[in-house]
Protein backbone atom coordinates (compact mmCIF):
# COMPACT_ATOMS: atom_id res chain seq x y z
CA MET A 1 -2.89 -8.35 -2.33
CA TYR A 2 -6.20 -6.89 -1.26
CA ILE A 3 -8.77 -7.65 1.43
CA TYR A 4 -12.18 -6.09 1.98
CA LYS A 5 -15.42 -6.61 3.94
CA THR A 6 -18.81 -7.12 2.33
CA LYS A 7 -22.39 -7.38 3.45
CA LEU A 8 -24.44 -10.43 2.52
CA SER A 9 -25.59 -8.49 -0.52
CA SER A 10 -21.95 -8.38 -1.77
CA ILE A 11 -21.70 -4.62 -1.20
CA ILE A 12 -18.17 -3.66 -0.15
CA THR A 13 -18.36 -1.96 3.25
CA GLU A 14 -14.70 -1.50 4.16
CA ILE A 15 -11.30 -1.76 2.52
CA ILE A 16 -9.10 -3.66 4.95
CA CYS A 17 -5.86 -3.61 2.95
CA VAL A 18 -4.59 -3.08 -0.59
CA SER A 19 -0.83 -3.55 -0.35
CA LEU A 20 2.39 -3.40 -2.31
CA GLU A 21 5.15 -5.66 -1.05
CA VAL A 22 8.78 -6.06 -2.09
CA LYS A 23 11.00 -9.07 -1.52
CA VAL A 24 14.10 -8.17 0.46
CA ASN A 25 16.43 -11.15 0.74
CA LYS A 26 13.83 -13.88 1.30
CA GLU A 27 11.28 -11.82 3.21
CA TRP A 28 8.29 -9.92 1.81
CA ILE A 29 7.92 -6.42 3.24
CA THR A 30 4.85 -4.22 2.81
CA ILE A 31 6.07 -0.80 1.71
CA ILE A 32 2.72 0.86 1.01
CA PHE A 33 -0.92 0.03 1.64
CA TYR A 34 -4.36 1.56 1.48
CA ASP A 35 -7.27 1.05 3.85
CA SER A 36 -10.52 2.78 4.78
CA SER A 37 -10.61 1.80 8.46
CA HIS A 38 -10.67 5.38 9.77
CA GLN A 39 -14.20 6.77 9.33
CA GLY A 40 -14.53 5.03 5.97
CA ARG A 41 -12.03 7.37 4.28
CA LEU A 42 -9.48 5.78 1.98
CA HIS A 43 -5.91 6.65 2.95
CA ARG A 44 -2.35 5.53 2.32
CA HIS A 45 0.23 4.09 4.76
CA THR A 46 3.82 4.44 3.57
CA LYS A 47 6.70 2.58 5.23
CA ILE A 48 9.65 4.93 5.46
CA PHE A 49 12.51 2.80 6.78
CA ILE A 50 13.06 -0.93 6.41
CA ASN A 51 14.28 -1.28 10.00
CA ASN A 52 11.28 0.50 11.57
CA ASP A 53 7.63 -0.58 11.67
CA LEU A 54 6.30 2.98 11.78
CA ASP A 55 4.57 4.36 8.69
CA VAL A 56 3.28 7.70 7.47
CA VAL A 57 -0.48 8.02 6.95
CA ASP A 58 -1.71 10.52 4.37
CA TYR A 59 -4.65 11.40 2.14
CA GLN A 60 -2.77 13.49 -0.44
CA GLY A 61 -3.65 12.40 -3.96
CA VAL A 62 -5.87 9.59 -2.67
CA LYS A 63 -9.34 9.31 -4.19
CA GLN A 64 -11.95 10.31 -1.63
CA LYS A 65 -15.24 10.36 -3.51
CA GLY A 66 -17.20 7.28 -4.48
CA ASN A 67 -18.42 4.12 -2.84
CA GLN A 68 -16.06 1.55 -1.32
CA LYS A 69 -16.06 -0.52 -4.52
CA ALA A 70 -14.88 2.47 -6.58
CA LEU A 71 -12.25 3.32 -3.95
CA LEU A 72 -11.02 -0.30 -3.88
CA THR A 73 -10.68 -0.29 -7.66
CA TRP A 74 -8.81 3.02 -7.53
CA ALA A 75 -6.36 1.74 -4.89
CA ILE A 76 -5.67 -1.48 -6.83
CA ASN A 77 -5.07 0.48 -10.04
CA ASP A 78 -2.84 3.02 -8.28
CA LEU A 79 -0.52 0.27 -7.05
CA LYS A 80 -0.57 -1.53 -10.41
CA ASN A 81 0.25 1.66 -12.32
CA ASN A 82 2.78 3.14 -9.88
CA TYR A 83 4.50 0.17 -8.22
CA LEU A 84 7.89 0.95 -9.77
CA PHE A 85 7.70 4.57 -8.58
CA TYR A 86 6.83 3.48 -5.01
CA LYS A 87 9.51 0.78 -5.00
CA LYS A 88 12.22 3.18 -6.27
CA LYS A 89 11.28 5.77 -3.62
CA PHE A 90 11.51 3.15 -0.88
CA ILE A 91 14.89 1.91 -2.11
CA LYS A 92 16.23 5.46 -2.40
CA ARG A 93 15.14 6.31 1.17
CA ASN A 94 16.80 3.14 2.45
CA LYS A 95 19.88 2.91 0.22
CA ASP A 96 22.31 2.95 3.16
CA LEU A 97 20.32 0.26 4.99
CA LEU A 98 20.00 -1.91 1.87
CA LYS A 99 23.69 -2.15 0.96
CA ASN A 100 24.61 -5.71 0.02
CA ILE A 101 20.98 -6.83 0.34
CA ASN A 102 19.20 -8.57 -2.51
CA ILE A 103 15.94 -6.91 -3.60
CA GLU A 104 13.76 -8.83 -6.03
CA LYS A 105 13.60 -7.15 -9.44
CA TYR A 106 10.19 -7.04 -11.14
């Protein structure tokens, strides 16, 4: 899923959210998302634990140069290309909390 703001001229002005969600039991949980709400800089939010709403914000490895359209495209492609890596990391961090819980396989 992704959401962004545009001007009337269709120029992307802000990336609101580009997210990766996983289905845990019957609920979708966002485990990672990108936005550019802080000074227009694209950054990543990573959910660490399933039972806590806090996330880690970082810029490491996140594309910084380019207009908002290029950054939006980069964020979408990063999640498309690396979703299994992000999902496995989340499951590994939460393996004790996810015992006997059904996680959608895709």
